[in-house]
Amino acid sequence: HEQLLKEHGLENAILVPVYSKAYQMALATSEILVNNVTFPPYFIRRDEQVYLNTWHGTPWKTLGKKMKNGIQDMSNIQRNFLQS
């Protein structure tokens, strides 16, 4: 990941392990959040944060409605969609 960041002129970016305390602090304090899936269930976007979700995949996404366990598994996905 560090090489990819360097190639794109982002060598000052700080990589943090997912779900670590540093990750949680980044979610809580970042001005701009970009994601292509969902953030953890404990994430709540602050009013002053911008959350861009690119929803990887096709335009025919079902936002979790076709997940293995059905509608029970899609609540966090739809919650993230509403926050983005």
Protein backbone atom coordinates (compact mmCIF):
# COMPACT_ATOMS: atom_id res chain seq x y z
CA HIS A 1 0.00 0.00 0.00
CA GLU A 2 2.85 2.39 0.76
CA GLN A 3 4.26 2.00 -2.76
CA LEU A 4 0.85 2.69 -4.32
CA LEU A 5 0.44 5.85 -2.22
CA LYS A 6 3.92 7.01 -3.20
CA GLU A 7 3.20 6.43 -6.92
CA HIS A 8 0.18 8.72 -6.62
CA GLY A 9 1.95 11.46 -4.68
CA LEU A 10 0.31 10.54 -1.38
CA GLU A 11 3.43 9.59 0.55
CA ASN A 12 2.28 11.72 3.52
CA ALA A 13 -0.79 9.53 4.03
CA ILE A 14 -0.83 7.53 7.24
CA LEU A 15 -1.88 3.89 7.00
CA VAL A 16 -3.64 2.44 10.03
CA PRO A 17 -4.83 -1.11 10.72
CA VAL A 18 -8.56 -1.57 10.19
CA TYR A 19 -10.57 -1.56 13.45
CA SER A 20 -7.57 -0.37 15.50
CA LYS A 21 -7.83 2.59 17.87
CA ALA A 22 -6.05 4.69 15.22
CA TYR A 23 -8.69 3.62 12.68
CA GLN A 24 -11.48 4.60 15.05
CA MET A 25 -9.84 8.00 15.64
CA ALA A 26 -9.49 8.54 11.89
CA LEU A 27 -13.20 7.78 11.39
CA ALA A 28 -14.13 10.15 14.19
CA THR A 29 -11.91 13.07 13.15
CA SER A 30 -11.56 12.97 9.35
CA GLU A 31 -13.20 15.78 7.40
CA ILE A 32 -13.70 13.62 4.30
CA LEU A 33 -14.42 9.88 4.32
CA VAL A 34 -14.34 7.77 1.14
CA ASN A 35 -15.43 4.14 1.12
CA ASN A 36 -16.49 1.56 -1.46
CA VAL A 37 -18.23 -0.80 0.95
CA THR A 38 -19.40 0.06 4.48
CA PHE A 39 -17.94 1.32 7.71
CA PRO A 40 -18.39 -0.68 10.94
CA PRO A 41 -21.76 -0.58 12.73
CA TYR A 42 -20.36 1.77 15.40
CA PHE A 43 -19.59 4.51 12.84
CA ILE A 44 -21.87 7.54 12.88
CA ARG A 45 -21.05 10.41 10.51
CA ARG A 46 -20.75 13.81 12.18
CA ASP A 47 -22.64 16.68 10.53
CA GLU A 48 -19.39 18.39 9.51
CA GLN A 49 -18.01 15.26 7.81
CA VAL A 50 -18.38 14.50 4.12
CA TYR A 51 -18.90 10.81 3.38
CA LEU A 52 -18.51 9.67 -0.24
CA ASN A 53 -19.39 6.05 -0.89
CA THR A 54 -18.48 4.77 -4.35
CA TRP A 55 -20.38 1.45 -3.95
CA HIS A 56 -18.04 -0.78 -5.93
CA GLY A 57 -19.77 -3.02 -8.43
CA THR A 58 -22.53 -2.42 -10.92
CA PRO A 59 -25.40 0.09 -11.04
CA TRP A 60 -27.74 -2.80 -10.25
CA LYS A 61 -26.64 -3.04 -6.61
CA THR A 62 -29.19 -4.39 -4.15
CA LEU A 63 -27.59 -2.82 -1.05
CA GLY A 64 -27.37 -6.14 0.73
CA LYS A 65 -30.83 -7.44 -0.07
CA LYS A 66 -29.36 -10.57 -1.68
CA MET A 67 -26.94 -11.38 1.16
CA LYS A 68 -26.73 -14.91 2.53
CA ASN A 69 -28.91 -14.24 5.60
CA GLY A 70 -31.31 -11.90 3.85
CA ILE A 71 -32.67 -8.69 5.27
CA GLN A 72 -31.04 -9.22 8.70
CA ASP A 73 -27.57 -8.71 7.15
CA MET A 74 -28.33 -5.52 5.26
CA SER A 75 -29.07 -3.08 8.09
CA ASN A 76 -25.50 -1.76 8.40
CA ILE A 77 -25.17 -1.46 4.62
CA GLN A 78 -28.34 0.60 4.35
CA ARG A 79 -27.37 2.65 7.43
CA ASN A 80 -24.07 3.49 5.72
CA PHE A 81 -25.90 4.37 2.52
CA LEU A 82 -28.10 6.85 4.39
CA GLN A 83 -25.06 8.47 6.02
CA SER A 84 -23.20 8.90 2.71
